[in-house]
Amino acid sequence: MRATGSFAKAFFALAVVAIGHIPAMGQSADVPAAAQEPLSETIEKPAPYDEKLARLSEILGAVHYLRNLCNKDGEREWRDAMQTLIDAETASEPQRRARMVAAYNRGYRSFASVYTTCTASAVAAESFYRNEGATLAVEIAARYGN
C-alpha cells in the first residue's frame, strides 16, 4: 500500500487548510510543468483510494479558480497543497501524477468555463466544494494514512 507517513502528512495539511481559512492558490491555472512528467510504459497498480484522490484533486482545482475569481486572500496555498500532495503520492509513478494533474486542471477549467465574474452562486459553489474537499481529505487520511 502506498500510504506512507509523508502521504498522511500531506493529507493532514490539506485537511487543516480545508477546515481552516482557505486562501486562493497561485495565479496559474495549471500545476507546474515540473509535476507533468512524461508517462512511462510501466503498469501501475491503482491504490484503493485513487478515485477519491482524483476527486480531491479536481476539488482543489475548482476551489483554486473560484477563490481567485472572488479575490480571496492568499494566492498560493491551495496550489502548494496540491503540489505537496502530488509529490508525496506519486514520487515514482508518472502515470498517477499525470492523472492527478489532469483532475486538478479539469476542476479549474470546468469553473473557468462557467464563471467569469464572482457571483453569489460562485461563492456558494466554492463553499460547497471546500467543505467536500475537507471531508474527503479527512476520510482518506483516516482510512489510508499511517
C-alpha atoms as a PDB file:
ATOM      1  CA  MET A   1       0.000   0.000   0.000  1.00  0.00           C
ATOM      2  CA  ARG A   2       1.263   3.495  -0.822  1.00  0.00           C
ATOM      3  CA  ALA A   3       0.036   5.210   2.340  1.00  0.00           C
ATOM      4  CA  THR A   4       3.226   6.470   3.918  1.00  0.00           C
ATOM      5  CA  GLY A   5       3.996   8.925   6.656  1.00  0.00           C
ATOM      6  CA  SER A   6       4.584  11.716   4.135  1.00  0.00           C
ATOM      7  CA  PHE A   7       1.324  10.810   2.417  1.00  0.00           C
ATOM      8  CA  ALA A   8      -0.591  11.106   5.680  1.00  0.00           C
ATOM      9  CA  LYS A   9       1.159  14.407   6.442  1.00  0.00           C
ATOM     10  CA  ALA A  10       0.158  15.785   3.025  1.00  0.00           C
ATOM     11  CA  PHE A  11      -3.477  14.844   3.606  1.00  0.00           C
ATOM     12  CA  PHE A  12      -3.378  16.249   7.105  1.00  0.00           C
ATOM     13  CA  ALA A  13      -2.009  19.526   5.721  1.00  0.00           C
ATOM     14  CA  LEU A  14      -4.816  19.593   3.149  1.00  0.00           C
ATOM     15  CA  ALA A  15      -7.424  18.914   5.814  1.00  0.00           C
ATOM     16  CA  VAL A  16      -6.068  21.711   8.008  1.00  0.00           C
ATOM     17  CA  VAL A  17      -6.111  24.119   5.075  1.00  0.00           C
ATOM     18  CA  ALA A  18      -9.603  22.996   4.064  1.00  0.00           C
ATOM     19  CA  ILE A  19     -11.086  23.216   7.536  1.00  0.00           C
ATOM     20  CA  GLY A  20      -9.378  26.500   8.430  1.00  0.00           C
ATOM     21  CA  HIS A  21      -9.246  29.529   6.210  1.00  0.00           C
ATOM     22  CA  ILE A  22      -8.677  28.721   2.569  1.00  0.00           C
ATOM     23  CA  PRO A  23      -6.781  31.307   0.606  1.00  0.00           C
ATOM     24  CA  ALA A  24      -6.657  31.098  -3.150  1.00  0.00           C
ATOM     25  CA  MET A  25      -3.916  29.263  -4.957  1.00  0.00           C
ATOM     26  CA  GLY A  26      -1.362  30.676  -7.384  1.00  0.00           C
ATOM     27  CA  GLN A  27      -2.024  32.778 -10.424  1.00  0.00           C
ATOM     28  CA  SER A  28      -1.559  29.975 -12.927  1.00  0.00           C
ATOM     29  CA  ALA A  29      -4.375  27.554 -13.590  1.00  0.00           C
ATOM     30  CA  ASP A  30      -2.164  24.557 -14.091  1.00  0.00           C
ATOM     31  CA  VAL A  31       0.078  22.656 -11.745  1.00  0.00           C
ATOM     32  CA  PRO A  32       3.730  23.489 -12.554  1.00  0.00           C
ATOM     33  CA  ALA A  33       5.348  21.807 -15.519  1.00  0.00           C
ATOM     34  CA  ALA A  34       7.712  20.004 -13.137  1.00  0.00           C
ATOM     35  CA  ALA A  35       4.719  17.957 -11.988  1.00  0.00           C
ATOM     36  CA  GLN A  36       3.871  16.983 -15.554  1.00  0.00           C
ATOM     37  CA  GLU A  37       6.428  14.314 -16.305  1.00  0.00           C
ATOM     38  CA  PRO A  38       6.119  12.135 -19.405  1.00  0.00           C
ATOM     39  CA  LEU A  39       4.157   8.935 -18.997  1.00  0.00           C
ATOM     40  CA  SER A  40       6.176   5.765 -18.655  1.00  0.00           C
ATOM     41  CA  GLU A  41       5.151   2.443 -20.091  1.00  0.00           C
ATOM     42  CA  THR A  42       5.166   0.650 -16.759  1.00  0.00           C
ATOM     43  CA  ILE A  43       1.879  -0.668 -15.465  1.00  0.00           C
ATOM     44  CA  GLU A  44       0.972   0.858 -12.146  1.00  0.00           C
ATOM     45  CA  LYS A  45      -1.311  -0.891  -9.699  1.00  0.00           C
ATOM     46  CA  PRO A  46      -4.059   1.506  -8.596  1.00  0.00           C
ATOM     47  CA  ALA A  47      -4.315   2.332  -4.920  1.00  0.00           C
ATOM     48  CA  PRO A  48      -7.699   1.680  -3.309  1.00  0.00           C
ATOM     49  CA  TYR A  49      -8.141   5.427  -2.786  1.00  0.00           C
ATOM     50  CA  ASP A  50      -7.236   6.575  -6.314  1.00  0.00           C
ATOM     51  CA  GLU A  51     -10.802   7.578  -7.234  1.00  0.00           C
ATOM     52  CA  LYS A  52     -11.132   9.664  -4.074  1.00  0.00           C
ATOM     53  CA  LEU A  53      -7.700  11.157  -4.702  1.00  0.00           C
ATOM     54  CA  ALA A  54      -8.736  12.161  -8.222  1.00  0.00           C
ATOM     55  CA  ARG A  55     -11.895  13.768  -6.862  1.00  0.00           C
ATOM     56  CA  LEU A  56      -9.889  15.639  -4.244  1.00  0.00           C
ATOM     57  CA  SER A  57      -7.522  16.874  -6.955  1.00  0.00           C
ATOM     58  CA  GLU A  58     -10.459  18.092  -9.022  1.00  0.00           C
ATOM     59  CA  ILE A  59     -11.944  19.869  -5.998  1.00  0.00           C
ATOM     60  CA  LEU A  60      -8.624  21.598  -5.299  1.00  0.00           C
ATOM     61  CA  GLY A  61      -8.562  22.927  -8.864  1.00  0.00           C
ATOM     62  CA  ALA A  62     -12.167  24.149  -8.658  1.00  0.00           C
ATOM     63  CA  VAL A  63     -11.638  25.890  -5.319  1.00  0.00           C
ATOM     64  CA  HIS A  64      -8.441  27.491  -6.587  1.00  0.00           C
ATOM     65  CA  TYR A  65     -10.280  29.031  -9.528  1.00  0.00           C
ATOM     66  CA  LEU A  66     -13.290  30.169  -7.526  1.00  0.00           C
ATOM     67  CA  ARG A  67     -11.206  31.741  -4.746  1.00  0.00           C
ATOM     68  CA  ASN A  68      -9.071  33.639  -7.261  1.00  0.00           C
ATOM     69  CA  LEU A  69     -12.218  34.776  -9.075  1.00  0.00           C
ATOM     70  CA  CYS A  70     -13.750  36.155  -5.889  1.00  0.00           C
ATOM     71  CA  ASN A  71     -10.489  37.811  -4.737  1.00  0.00           C
ATOM     72  CA  LYS A  72      -9.963  35.792  -1.583  1.00  0.00           C
ATOM     73  CA  ASP A  73      -6.710  36.368   0.334  1.00  0.00           C
ATOM     74  CA  GLY A  74      -3.577  34.302  -0.316  1.00  0.00           C
ATOM     75  CA  GLU A  75      -2.651  33.170  -3.779  1.00  0.00           C
ATOM     76  CA  ARG A  76      -0.599  30.009  -3.472  1.00  0.00           C
ATOM     77  CA  GLU A  77      -1.752  27.942  -0.519  1.00  0.00           C
ATOM     78  CA  TRP A  78      -4.163  25.631  -2.408  1.00  0.00           C
ATOM     79  CA  ARG A  79      -1.804  25.162  -5.305  1.00  0.00           C
ATOM     80  CA  ASP A  80       1.110  24.498  -2.943  1.00  0.00           C
ATOM     81  CA  ALA A  81      -1.040  21.970  -1.047  1.00  0.00           C
ATOM     82  CA  MET A  82      -1.810  20.213  -4.334  1.00  0.00           C
ATOM     83  CA  GLN A  83       1.876  20.145  -5.245  1.00  0.00           C
ATOM     84  CA  THR A  84       2.724  18.673  -1.824  1.00  0.00           C
ATOM     85  CA  LEU A  85       0.069  16.015  -2.303  1.00  0.00           C
ATOM     86  CA  ILE A  86       1.324  15.159  -5.787  1.00  0.00           C
ATOM     87  CA  ASP A  87       4.921  14.921  -4.572  1.00  0.00           C
ATOM     88  CA  ALA A  88       4.001  12.720  -1.610  1.00  0.00           C
ATOM     89  CA  GLU A  89       1.706  10.403  -3.518  1.00  0.00           C
ATOM     90  CA  THR A  90       3.298   9.992  -6.946  1.00  0.00           C
ATOM     91  CA  ALA A  91       7.059  10.282  -6.495  1.00  0.00           C
ATOM     92  CA  SER A  92       7.851   7.263  -8.672  1.00  0.00           C
ATOM     93  CA  GLU A  93       4.601   6.903 -10.613  1.00  0.00           C
ATOM     94  CA  PRO A  94       4.353   9.338 -13.517  1.00  0.00           C
ATOM     95  CA  GLN A  95       1.014   7.999 -14.763  1.00  0.00           C
ATOM     96  CA  ARG A  96      -0.652   8.604 -11.400  1.00  0.00           C
ATOM     97  CA  ARG A  97       0.959  12.043 -11.298  1.00  0.00           C
ATOM     98  CA  ALA A  98      -0.440  12.842 -14.720  1.00  0.00           C
ATOM     99  CA  ARG A  99      -3.932  11.717 -13.674  1.00  0.00           C
ATOM    100  CA  MET A 100      -3.848  13.897 -10.558  1.00  0.00           C
ATOM    101  CA  VAL A 101      -2.625  16.924 -12.517  1.00  0.00           C
ATOM    102  CA  ALA A 102      -5.310  16.336 -15.150  1.00  0.00           C
ATOM    103  CA  ALA A 103      -8.021  16.116 -12.466  1.00  0.00           C
ATOM    104  CA  TYR A 104      -6.794  19.345 -10.828  1.00  0.00           C
ATOM    105  CA  ASN A 105      -6.752  21.162 -14.165  1.00  0.00           C
ATOM    106  CA  ARG A 106     -10.181  19.748 -15.090  1.00  0.00           C
ATOM    107  CA  GLY A 107     -11.634  21.157 -11.867  1.00  0.00           C
ATOM    108  CA  TYR A 108     -10.052  24.546 -12.521  1.00  0.00           C
ATOM    109  CA  ARG A 109     -11.119  24.730 -16.159  1.00  0.00           C
ATOM    110  CA  SER A 110     -14.656  23.475 -15.572  1.00  0.00           C
ATOM    111  CA  PHE A 111     -15.410  26.510 -13.410  1.00  0.00           C
ATOM    112  CA  ALA A 112     -13.423  28.860 -15.632  1.00  0.00           C
ATOM    113  CA  SER A 113     -15.777  27.926 -18.473  1.00  0.00           C
ATOM    114  CA  VAL A 114     -18.856  28.797 -16.388  1.00  0.00           C
ATOM    115  CA  TYR A 115     -17.916  31.734 -14.138  1.00  0.00           C
ATOM    116  CA  THR A 116     -16.234  34.867 -15.446  1.00  0.00           C
ATOM    117  CA  THR A 117     -17.228  37.091 -12.517  1.00  0.00           C
ATOM    118  CA  CYS A 118     -17.737  36.461  -8.848  1.00  0.00           C
ATOM    119  CA  THR A 119     -21.431  35.840  -8.248  1.00  0.00           C
ATOM    120  CA  ALA A 120     -23.454  34.545  -5.318  1.00  0.00           C
ATOM    121  CA  SER A 121     -23.547  31.120  -6.956  1.00  0.00           C
ATOM    122  CA  ALA A 122     -19.745  31.139  -7.397  1.00  0.00           C
ATOM    123  CA  VAL A 123     -19.343  31.900  -3.681  1.00  0.00           C
ATOM    124  CA  ALA A 124     -21.807  29.121  -2.809  1.00  0.00           C
ATOM    125  CA  ALA A 125     -20.031  26.655  -5.125  1.00  0.00           C
ATOM    126  CA  GLU A 126     -16.660  27.499  -3.554  1.00  0.00           C
ATOM    127  CA  SER A 127     -18.038  26.886  -0.083  1.00  0.00           C
ATOM    128  CA  PHE A 128     -19.653  23.599  -1.122  1.00  0.00           C
ATOM    129  CA  TYR A 129     -16.503  22.315  -2.814  1.00  0.00           C
ATOM    130  CA  ARG A 130     -14.279  23.457   0.058  1.00  0.00           C
ATOM    131  CA  ASN A 131     -16.440  21.505   2.516  1.00  0.00           C
ATOM    132  CA  GLU A 132     -16.485  18.433   0.269  1.00  0.00           C
ATOM    133  CA  GLY A 133     -12.700  18.612  -0.085  1.00  0.00           C
ATOM    134  CA  ALA A 134     -12.186  18.910   3.672  1.00  0.00           C
ATOM    135  CA  THR A 135     -14.418  15.919   4.312  1.00  0.00           C
ATOM    136  CA  LEU A 136     -12.722  13.866   1.612  1.00  0.00           C
ATOM    137  CA  ALA A 137      -9.205  14.726   2.815  1.00  0.00           C
ATOM    138  CA  VAL A 138     -10.065  13.734   6.386  1.00  0.00           C
ATOM    139  CA  GLU A 139     -11.715  10.484   5.240  1.00  0.00           C
ATOM    140  CA  ILE A 140      -8.769   9.454   3.065  1.00  0.00           C
ATOM    141  CA  ALA A 141      -6.215  10.284   5.747  1.00  0.00           C
ATOM    142  CA  ALA A 142      -8.203   8.490   8.450  1.00  0.00           C
ATOM    143  CA  ARG A 143      -8.735   5.363   6.388  1.00  0.00           C
ATOM    144  CA  TYR A 144      -5.463   5.032   4.474  1.00  0.00           C
ATOM    145  CA  GLY A 145      -2.902   7.173   6.357  1.00  0.00           C
ATOM    146  CA  ASN A 146      -0.417   5.777   8.839  1.00  0.00           C
END
